[in-house]
PDB file of N, CA and C in Angstrom:
ATOM      1  N   MET A   1     -29.991  17.464 -14.199  1.00  0.00           N
ATOM      2  CA  MET A   1     -31.114  16.544 -14.184  1.00  0.00           C
ATOM      3  C   MET A   1     -31.093  15.752 -15.489  1.00  0.00           C
ATOM      4  N   PRO A   2     -31.223  14.413 -15.419  1.00  0.00           N
ATOM      5  CA  PRO A   2     -31.190  13.607 -16.637  1.00  0.00           C
ATOM      6  C   PRO A   2     -32.421  13.838 -17.502  1.00  0.00           C
ATOM      7  N   ALA A   3     -32.231  13.673 -18.796  1.00  0.00           N
ATOM      8  CA  ALA A   3     -33.347  13.815 -19.724  1.00  0.00           C
ATOM      9  C   ALA A   3     -34.295  12.638 -19.550  1.00  0.00           C
ATOM     10  N   VAL A   4     -35.576  12.913 -19.680  1.00  0.00           N
ATOM     11  CA  VAL A   4     -36.600  11.874 -19.559  1.00  0.00           C
ATOM     12  C   VAL A   4     -37.155  11.598 -20.949  1.00  0.00           C
ATOM     13  N   ALA A   5     -37.251  10.325 -21.289  1.00  0.00           N
ATOM     14  CA  ALA A   5     -37.810   9.956 -22.594  1.00  0.00           C
ATOM     15  C   ALA A   5     -39.260  10.403 -22.667  1.00  0.00           C
ATOM     16  N   SER A   6     -39.658  10.850 -23.827  1.00  0.00           N
ATOM     17  CA  SER A   6     -41.045  11.278 -23.978  1.00  0.00           C
ATOM     18  C   SER A   6     -41.965  10.068 -23.889  1.00  0.00           C
ATOM     19  N   GLN A   7     -43.171  10.324 -23.439  1.00  0.00           N
ATOM     20  CA  GLN A   7     -44.156   9.258 -23.290  1.00  0.00           C
ATOM     21  C   GLN A   7     -44.696   8.860 -24.652  1.00  0.00           C
ATOM     22  N   PRO A   8     -45.035   7.586 -24.829  1.00  0.00           N
ATOM     23  CA  PRO A   8     -45.608   7.167 -26.105  1.00  0.00           C
ATOM     24  C   PRO A   8     -46.981   7.790 -26.303  1.00  0.00           C
ATOM     25  N   VAL A   9     -47.343   7.999 -27.549  1.00  0.00           N
ATOM     26  CA  VAL A   9     -48.660   8.519 -27.875  1.00  0.00           C
ATOM     27  C   VAL A   9     -49.634   7.349 -27.843  1.00  0.00           C
ATOM     28  N   LEU A  10     -50.624   7.435 -26.965  1.00  0.00           N
ATOM     29  CA  LEU A  10     -51.636   6.390 -26.853  1.00  0.00           C
ATOM     30  C   LEU A  10     -52.922   6.867 -27.500  1.00  0.00           C
ATOM     31  N   LEU A  11     -53.424   6.098 -28.448  1.00  0.00           N
ATOM     32  CA  LEU A  11     -54.612   6.464 -29.202  1.00  0.00           C
ATOM     33  C   LEU A  11     -55.829   5.698 -28.711  1.00  0.00           C
ATOM     34  N   THR A  12     -56.986   6.323 -28.780  1.00  0.00           N
ATOM     35  CA  THR A  12     -58.229   5.594 -28.568  1.00  0.00           C
ATOM     36  C   THR A  12     -58.507   4.785 -29.828  1.00  0.00           C
ATOM     37  N   VAL A  13     -59.477   3.908 -29.760  1.00  0.00           N
ATOM     38  CA  VAL A  13     -59.859   3.121 -30.942  1.00  0.00           C
ATOM     39  C   VAL A  13     -60.264   4.061 -32.071  1.00  0.00           C
ATOM     40  N   SER A  14     -61.048   5.076 -31.747  1.00  0.00           N
ATOM     41  CA  SER A  14     -61.507   6.027 -32.771  1.00  0.00           C
ATOM     42  C   SER A  14     -60.348   6.803 -33.388  1.00  0.00           C
ATOM     43  N   GLN A  15     -59.401   7.211 -32.573  1.00  0.00           N
ATOM     44  CA  GLN A  15     -58.244   7.944 -33.090  1.00  0.00           C
ATOM     45  C   GLN A  15     -57.395   7.067 -33.998  1.00  0.00           C
ATOM     46  N   ALA A  16     -57.188   5.811 -33.608  1.00  0.00           N
ATOM     47  CA  ALA A  16     -56.412   4.884 -34.443  1.00  0.00           C
ATOM     48  C   ALA A  16     -57.127   4.639 -35.769  1.00  0.00           C
ATOM     49  N   ALA A  17     -58.448   4.475 -35.704  1.00  0.00           N
ATOM     50  CA  ALA A  17     -59.232   4.261 -36.923  1.00  0.00           C
ATOM     51  C   ALA A  17     -59.136   5.471 -37.842  1.00  0.00           C
ATOM     52  N   SER A  18     -59.221   6.643 -37.278  1.00  0.00           N
ATOM     53  CA  SER A  18     -59.132   7.874 -38.067  1.00  0.00           C
ATOM     54  C   SER A  18     -57.751   8.001 -38.707  1.00  0.00           C
ATOM     55  N   LEU A  19     -56.711   7.704 -37.953  1.00  0.00           N
ATOM     56  CA  LEU A  19     -55.345   7.794 -38.467  1.00  0.00           C
ATOM     57  C   LEU A  19     -55.144   6.858 -39.658  1.00  0.00           C
ATOM     58  N   LEU A  20     -55.672   5.642 -39.550  1.00  0.00           N
ATOM     59  CA  LEU A  20     -55.490   4.649 -40.609  1.00  0.00           C
ATOM     60  C   LEU A  20     -56.610   4.684 -41.646  1.00  0.00           C
ATOM     61  N   ARG A  21     -57.596   5.535 -41.398  1.00  0.00           N
ATOM     62  CA  ARG A  21     -58.745   5.660 -42.301  1.00  0.00           C
ATOM     63  C   ARG A  21     -59.464   4.333 -42.493  1.00  0.00           C
ATOM     64  N   VAL A  22     -59.721   3.696 -41.362  1.00  0.00           N
ATOM     65  CA  VAL A  22     -60.520   2.472 -41.330  1.00  0.00           C
ATOM     66  C   VAL A  22     -61.604   2.676 -40.280  1.00  0.00           C
ATOM     67  N   SER A  23     -62.511   1.737 -40.168  1.00  0.00           N
ATOM     68  CA  SER A  23     -63.589   1.867 -39.189  1.00  0.00           C
ATOM     69  C   SER A  23     -63.123   1.476 -37.785  1.00  0.00           C
ATOM     70  N   ASP A  24     -63.860   1.941 -36.791  1.00  0.00           N
ATOM     71  CA  ASP A  24     -63.597   1.534 -35.411  1.00  0.00           C
ATOM     72  C   ASP A  24     -63.691   0.008 -35.306  1.00  0.00           C
ATOM     73  N   ARG A  25     -64.653  -0.560 -36.014  1.00  0.00           N
ATOM     74  CA  ARG A  25     -64.858  -2.015 -35.978  1.00  0.00           C
ATOM     75  C   ARG A  25     -63.615  -2.753 -36.479  1.00  0.00           C
ATOM     76  N   THR A  26     -62.972  -2.220 -37.511  1.00  0.00           N
ATOM     77  CA  THR A  26     -61.754  -2.839 -38.028  1.00  0.00           C
ATOM     78  C   THR A  26     -60.670  -2.841 -36.962  1.00  0.00           C
ATOM     79  N   ILE A  27     -60.495  -1.711 -36.282  1.00  0.00           N
ATOM     80  CA  ILE A  27     -59.491  -1.634 -35.213  1.00  0.00           C
ATOM     81  C   ILE A  27     -59.817  -2.639 -34.124  1.00  0.00           C
ATOM     82  N   ARG A  28     -61.077  -2.757 -33.743  1.00  0.00           N
ATOM     83  CA  ARG A  28     -61.473  -3.725 -32.707  1.00  0.00           C
ATOM     84  C   ARG A  28     -61.219  -5.168 -33.163  1.00  0.00           C
ATOM     85  N   ARG A  29     -61.464  -5.460 -34.439  1.00  0.00           N
ATOM     86  CA  ARG A  29     -61.164  -6.806 -34.951  1.00  0.00           C
ATOM     87  C   ARG A  29     -59.674  -7.080 -34.889  1.00  0.00           C
ATOM     88  N   TRP A  30     -58.865  -6.075 -35.236  1.00  0.00           N
ATOM     89  CA  TRP A  30     -57.412  -6.243 -35.170  1.00  0.00           C
ATOM     90  C   TRP A  30     -56.955  -6.459 -33.735  1.00  0.00           C
ATOM     91  N   ILE A  31     -57.585  -5.771 -32.796  1.00  0.00           N
ATOM     92  CA  ILE A  31     -57.251  -5.962 -31.377  1.00  0.00           C
ATOM     93  C   ILE A  31     -57.605  -7.383 -30.963  1.00  0.00           C
ATOM     94  N   GLU A  32     -58.828  -7.833 -31.294  1.00  0.00           N
ATOM     95  CA  GLU A  32     -59.266  -9.185 -30.927  1.00  0.00           C
ATOM     96  C   GLU A  32     -58.356 -10.254 -31.522  1.00  0.00           C
ATOM     97  N   ALA A  33     -57.862 -10.003 -32.736  1.00  0.00           N
ATOM     98  CA  ALA A  33     -56.968 -10.959 -33.399  1.00  0.00           C
ATOM     99  C   ALA A  33     -55.512 -10.746 -32.992  1.00  0.00           C
ATOM    100  N   GLU A  34     -55.268  -9.764 -32.135  1.00  0.00           N
ATOM    101  CA  GLU A  34     -53.924  -9.389 -31.672  1.00  0.00           C
ATOM    102  C   GLU A  34     -52.994  -9.086 -32.844  1.00  0.00           C
ATOM    103  N   ARG A  35     -53.525  -8.412 -33.868  1.00  0.00           N
ATOM    104  CA  ARG A  35     -52.719  -8.008 -35.029  1.00  0.00           C
ATOM    105  C   ARG A  35     -52.010  -6.691 -34.785  1.00  0.00           C
ATOM    106  N   ILE A  36     -52.520  -5.912 -33.826  1.00  0.00           N
ATOM    107  CA  ILE A  36     -51.873  -4.661 -33.443  1.00  0.00           C
ATOM    108  C   ILE A  36     -51.706  -4.654 -31.927  1.00  0.00           C
ATOM    109  N   PRO A  37     -50.686  -3.952 -31.438  1.00  0.00           N
ATOM    110  CA  PRO A  37     -50.483  -3.882 -29.982  1.00  0.00           C
ATOM    111  C   PRO A  37     -51.559  -3.010 -29.338  1.00  0.00           C
ATOM    112  N   PHE A  38     -51.922  -3.335 -28.116  1.00  0.00           N
ATOM    113  CA  PHE A  38     -52.942  -2.554 -27.418  1.00  0.00           C
ATOM    114  C   PHE A  38     -52.770  -2.697 -25.912  1.00  0.00           C
ATOM    115  N   LEU A  39     -53.395  -1.791 -25.207  1.00  0.00           N
ATOM    116  CA  LEU A  39     -53.497  -1.848 -23.749  1.00  0.00           C
ATOM    117  C   LEU A  39     -54.977  -1.846 -23.414  1.00  0.00           C
ATOM    118  N   LYS A  40     -55.394  -2.714 -22.519  1.00  0.00           N
ATOM    119  CA  LYS A  40     -56.786  -2.717 -22.083  1.00  0.00           C
ATOM    120  C   LYS A  40     -56.855  -2.068 -20.713  1.00  0.00           C
ATOM    121  N   LEU A  41     -57.640  -1.008 -20.623  1.00  0.00           N
ATOM    122  CA  LEU A  41     -57.783  -0.276 -19.371  1.00  0.00           C
ATOM    123  C   LEU A  41     -58.772  -0.986 -18.455  1.00  0.00           C
ATOM    124  N   PRO A  42     -58.718  -0.708 -17.146  1.00  0.00           N
ATOM    125  CA  PRO A  42     -59.663  -1.342 -16.224  1.00  0.00           C
ATOM    126  C   PRO A  42     -61.129  -1.097 -16.604  1.00  0.00           C
ATOM    127  N   SER A  43     -61.398   0.012 -17.282  1.00  0.00           N
ATOM    128  CA  SER A  43     -62.764   0.318 -17.701  1.00  0.00           C
ATOM    129  C   SER A  43     -63.227  -0.573 -18.860  1.00  0.00           C
ATOM    130  N   GLY A  44     -62.284  -1.291 -19.491  1.00  0.00           N
ATOM    131  CA  GLY A  44     -62.615  -2.133 -20.628  1.00  0.00           C
ATOM    132  C   GLY A  44     -62.301  -1.486 -21.966  1.00  0.00           C
ATOM    133  N   SER A  45     -61.987  -0.187 -21.951  1.00  0.00           N
ATOM    134  CA  SER A  45     -61.631   0.479 -23.205  1.00  0.00           C
ATOM    135  C   SER A  45     -60.167   0.210 -23.532  1.00  0.00           C
ATOM    136  N   TYR A  46     -59.792   0.505 -24.756  1.00  0.00           N
ATOM    137  CA  TYR A  46     -58.453   0.205 -25.237  1.00  0.00           C
ATOM    138  C   TYR A  46     -57.677   1.473 -25.546  1.00  0.00           C
ATOM    139  N   ARG A  47     -56.352   1.365 -25.455  1.00  0.00           N
ATOM    140  CA  ARG A  47     -55.429   2.393 -25.933  1.00  0.00           C
ATOM    141  C   ARG A  47     -54.405   1.685 -26.799  1.00  0.00           C
ATOM    142  N   ILE A  48     -54.097   2.310 -27.920  1.00  0.00           N
ATOM    143  CA  ILE A  48     -53.174   1.727 -28.883  1.00  0.00           C
ATOM    144  C   ILE A  48     -51.949   2.618 -28.994  1.00  0.00           C
ATOM    145  N   PRO A  49     -50.753   2.104 -28.687  1.00  0.00           N
ATOM    146  CA  PRO A  49     -49.536   2.900 -28.850  1.00  0.00           C
ATOM    147  C   PRO A  49     -49.313   3.186 -30.342  1.00  0.00           C
ATOM    148  N   GLN A  50     -49.302   4.466 -30.694  1.00  0.00           N
ATOM    149  CA  GLN A  50     -49.248   4.857 -32.100  1.00  0.00           C
ATOM    150  C   GLN A  50     -48.040   4.280 -32.835  1.00  0.00           C
ATOM    151  N   GLY A  51     -46.858   4.487 -32.311  1.00  0.00           N
ATOM    152  CA  GLY A  51     -45.648   4.009 -32.989  1.00  0.00           C
ATOM    153  C   GLY A  51     -45.625   2.505 -33.144  1.00  0.00           C
ATOM    154  N   ALA A  52     -46.012   1.789 -32.113  1.00  0.00           N
ATOM    155  CA  ALA A  52     -46.025   0.321 -32.162  1.00  0.00           C
ATOM    156  C   ALA A  52     -47.069  -0.180 -33.149  1.00  0.00           C
ATOM    157  N   MET A  53     -48.218   0.506 -33.203  1.00  0.00           N
ATOM    158  CA  MET A  53     -49.258   0.102 -34.145  1.00  0.00           C
ATOM    159  C   MET A  53     -48.759   0.249 -35.580  1.00  0.00           C
ATOM    160  N   LEU A  54     -48.181   1.395 -35.896  1.00  0.00           N
ATOM    161  CA  LEU A  54     -47.693   1.624 -37.252  1.00  0.00           C
ATOM    162  C   LEU A  54     -46.578   0.648 -37.601  1.00  0.00           C
ATOM    163  N   ALA A  55     -45.697   0.373 -36.652  1.00  0.00           N
ATOM    164  CA  ALA A  55     -44.613  -0.579 -36.897  1.00  0.00           C
ATOM    165  C   ALA A  55     -45.158  -1.984 -37.123  1.00  0.00           C
ATOM    166  N   SER A  56     -46.230  -2.335 -36.439  1.00  0.00           N
ATOM    167  CA  SER A  56     -46.788  -3.679 -36.578  1.00  0.00           C
ATOM    168  C   SER A  56     -47.432  -3.888 -37.944  1.00  0.00           C
ATOM    169  N   LEU A  57     -47.768  -2.831 -38.642  1.00  0.00           N
ATOM    170  CA  LEU A  57     -48.429  -2.944 -39.935  1.00  0.00           C
ATOM    171  C   LEU A  57     -47.447  -3.060 -41.089  1.00  0.00           C
ATOM    172  N   ARG A  58     -46.192  -2.800 -40.852  1.00  0.00           N
ATOM    173  CA  ARG A  58     -45.194  -2.881 -41.916  1.00  0.00           C
ATOM    174  C   ARG A  58     -45.135  -4.285 -42.484  1.00  0.00           C
ATOM    175  N   GLY A  59     -45.202  -4.362 -43.797  1.00  0.00           N
ATOM    176  CA  GLY A  59     -45.064  -5.642 -44.460  1.00  0.00           C
ATOM    177  C   GLY A  59     -46.334  -6.463 -44.524  1.00  0.00           C
ATOM    178  N   THR A  60     -47.334  -6.111 -43.734  1.00  0.00           N
ATOM    179  CA  THR A  60     -48.577  -6.872 -43.761  1.00  0.00           C
ATOM    180  C   THR A  60     -49.743  -6.033 -44.245  1.00  0.00           C
ATOM    181  N   TYR A  61     -49.518  -4.752 -44.423  1.00  0.00           N
ATOM    182  CA  TYR A  61     -50.609  -3.861 -44.785  1.00  0.00           C
ATOM    183  C   TYR A  61     -50.057  -2.765 -45.679  1.00  0.00           C
ATOM    184  N   ASP A  62     -50.639  -2.575 -46.831  1.00  0.00           N
ATOM    185  CA  ASP A  62     -50.180  -1.561 -47.772  1.00  0.00           C
ATOM    186  C   ASP A  62     -50.833  -0.226 -47.439  1.00  0.00           C
ATOM    187  N   LEU A  63     -50.327   0.421 -46.415  1.00  0.00           N
ATOM    188  CA  LEU A  63     -50.895   1.689 -45.958  1.00  0.00           C
ATOM    189  C   LEU A  63     -50.827   2.746 -47.048  1.00  0.00           C
ATOM    190  N   ALA A  64     -49.721   2.844 -47.742  1.00  0.00           N
ATOM    191  CA  ALA A  64     -49.581   3.854 -48.792  1.00  0.00           C
ATOM    192  C   ALA A  64     -50.610   3.627 -49.894  1.00  0.00           C
ATOM    193  N   GLY A  65     -50.785   2.384 -50.315  1.00  0.00           N
ATOM    194  CA  GLY A  65     -51.765   2.076 -51.352  1.00  0.00           C
ATOM    195  C   GLY A  65     -53.186   2.378 -50.913  1.00  0.00           C
ATOM    196  N   GLU A  66     -53.493   2.020 -49.681  1.00  0.00           N
ATOM    197  CA  GLU A  66     -54.823   2.286 -49.135  1.00  0.00           C
ATOM    198  C   GLU A  66     -55.090   3.789 -49.068  1.00  0.00           C
ATOM    199  N   LEU A  67     -54.107   4.536 -48.601  1.00  0.00           N
ATOM    200  CA  LEU A  67     -54.273   5.983 -48.513  1.00  0.00           C
ATOM    201  C   LEU A  67     -54.442   6.605 -49.899  1.00  0.00           C
ATOM    202  N   GLN A  68     -53.731   6.094 -50.900  1.00  0.00           N
ATOM    203  CA  GLN A  68     -53.884   6.608 -52.263  1.00  0.00           C
ATOM    204  C   GLN A  68     -55.283   6.335 -52.793  1.00  0.00           C
ATOM    205  N   GLN A  69     -55.816   5.155 -52.531  1.00  0.00           N
ATOM    206  CA  GLN A  69     -57.173   4.832 -52.971  1.00  0.00           C
ATOM    207  C   GLN A  69     -58.200   5.737 -52.295  1.00  0.00           C
ATOM    208  N   LEU A  70     -58.033   5.936 -50.990  1.00  0.00           N
ATOM    209  CA  LEU A  70     -58.962   6.801 -50.272  1.00  0.00           C
ATOM    210  C   LEU A  70     -58.865   8.246 -50.747  1.00  0.00           C
ATOM    211  N   GLU A  71     -57.657   8.697 -51.008  1.00  0.00           N
ATOM    212  CA  GLU A  71     -57.463  10.062 -51.510  1.00  0.00           C
ATOM    213  C   GLU A  71     -58.137  10.231 -52.870  1.00  0.00           C
ATOM    214  N   ALA A  72     -57.988   9.229 -53.739  1.00  0.00           N
ATOM    215  CA  ALA A  72     -58.622   9.295 -55.057  1.00  0.00           C
ATOM    216  C   ALA A  72     -60.145   9.296 -54.938  1.00  0.00           C
ATOM    217  N   LYS A  73     -60.652   8.549 -53.975  1.00  0.00           N
ATOM    218  CA  LYS A  73     -62.102   8.435 -53.806  1.00  0.00           C
ATOM    219  C   LYS A  73     -62.706   9.622 -53.074  1.00  0.00           C
ATOM    220  N   HIS A  74     -61.997  10.138 -52.044  1.00  0.00           N
ATOM    221  CA  HIS A  74     -62.578  11.168 -51.181  1.00  0.00           C
ATOM    222  C   HIS A  74     -61.757  12.453 -51.129  1.00  0.00           C
ATOM    223  N   GLY A  75     -60.751  12.575 -51.974  1.00  0.00           N
ATOM    224  CA  GLY A  75     -59.862  13.733 -51.926  1.00  0.00           C
ATOM    225  C   GLY A  75     -60.545  15.056 -52.206  1.00  0.00           C
ATOM    226  N   HIS A  76     -61.677  15.021 -52.880  1.00  0.00           N
ATOM    227  CA  HIS A  76     -62.384  16.257 -53.224  1.00  0.00           C
ATOM    228  C   HIS A  76     -63.166  16.836 -52.053  1.00  0.00           C
ATOM    229  N   VAL A  77     -63.360  16.062 -50.988  1.00  0.00           N
ATOM    230  CA  VAL A  77     -64.124  16.517 -49.829  1.00  0.00           C
ATOM    231  C   VAL A  77     -63.236  17.427 -48.980  1.00  0.00           C
ATOM    232  N   SER A  78     -63.725  18.637 -48.697  1.00  0.00           N
ATOM    233  CA  SER A  78     -62.932  19.600 -47.929  1.00  0.00           C
ATOM    234  C   SER A  78     -63.101  19.363 -46.431  1.00  0.00           C
ATOM    235  N   ASP A  79     -62.175  19.908 -45.648  1.00  0.00           N
ATOM    236  CA  ASP A  79     -62.266  19.825 -44.186  1.00  0.00           C
ATOM    237  C   ASP A  79     -63.541  20.495 -43.696  1.00  0.00           C
ATOM    238  N   ALA A  80     -63.932  21.601 -44.343  1.00  0.00           N
ATOM    239  CA  ALA A  80     -65.151  22.305 -43.946  1.00  0.00           C
ATOM    240  C   ALA A  80     -66.376  21.436 -44.167  1.00  0.00           C
ATOM    241  N   GLU A  81     -66.414  20.688 -45.277  1.00  0.00           N
ATOM    242  CA  GLU A  81     -67.540  19.797 -45.552  1.00  0.00           C
ATOM    243  C   GLU A  81     -67.608  18.664 -44.525  1.00  0.00           C
ATOM    244  N   ILE A  82     -66.472  18.159 -44.135  1.00  0.00           N
ATOM    245  CA  ILE A  82     -66.421  17.108 -43.120  1.00  0.00           C
ATOM    246  C   ILE A  82     -66.926  17.639 -41.797  1.00  0.00           C
ATOM    247  N   ALA A  83     -66.444  18.802 -41.397  1.00  0.00           N
ATOM    248  CA  ALA A  83     -66.879  19.413 -40.130  1.00  0.00           C
ATOM    249  C   ALA A  83     -68.385  19.667 -40.148  1.00  0.00           C
ATOM    250  N   GLU A  84     -68.879  20.155 -41.265  1.00  0.00           N
ATOM    251  CA  GLU A  84     -70.322  20.418 -41.387  1.00  0.00           C
ATOM    252  C   GLU A  84     -71.120  19.121 -41.261  1.00  0.00           C
ATOM    253  N   ALA A  85     -70.654  18.062 -41.905  1.00  0.00           N
ATOM    254  CA  ALA A  85     -71.353  16.772 -41.831  1.00  0.00           C
ATOM    255  C   ALA A  85     -71.339  16.220 -40.408  1.00  0.00           C
ATOM    256  N   LEU A  86     -70.226  16.406 -39.707  1.00  0.00           N
ATOM    257  CA  LEU A  86     -70.139  15.930 -38.321  1.00  0.00           C
ATOM    258  C   LEU A  86     -71.064  16.716 -37.397  1.00  0.00           C
ATOM    259  N   ASP A  87     -71.203  17.997 -37.658  1.00  0.00           N
ATOM    260  CA  ASP A  87     -72.081  18.838 -36.841  1.00  0.00           C
ATOM    261  C   ASP A  87     -73.542  18.466 -37.012  1.00  0.00           C
ATOM    262  N   GLU A  88     -73.908  17.947 -38.192  1.00  0.00           N
ATOM    263  CA  GLU A  88     -75.292  17.574 -38.467  1.00  0.00           C
ATOM    264  C   GLU A  88     -75.686  16.273 -37.801  1.00  0.00           C
ATOM    265  N   SER A  89     -74.699  15.438 -37.427  1.00  0.00           N
ATOM    266  CA  SER A  89     -75.053  14.146 -36.838  1.00  0.00           C
ATOM    267  C   SER A  89     -75.362  14.223 -35.382  1.00  0.00           C
TER     268      SER A  89
END
């Protein structure tokens, strides 16, 4: 039996925002401006192919620099503190 290529990882808007550490609104603006690849489902929601999204940001977005700034600003916050804050909302 021939090998089957693995399926691409499709992210929701929230998952893409979390991965890039930006807001959902930022991801939606990028979709509207067609700065990142996306699929629009019949329900109106979006799915973003993870690999294609990351590839589309090369050269136009300093992901490493942004992540370093966020780490410096929020690196002291533990996973437990984040989970606790999410549970309170």
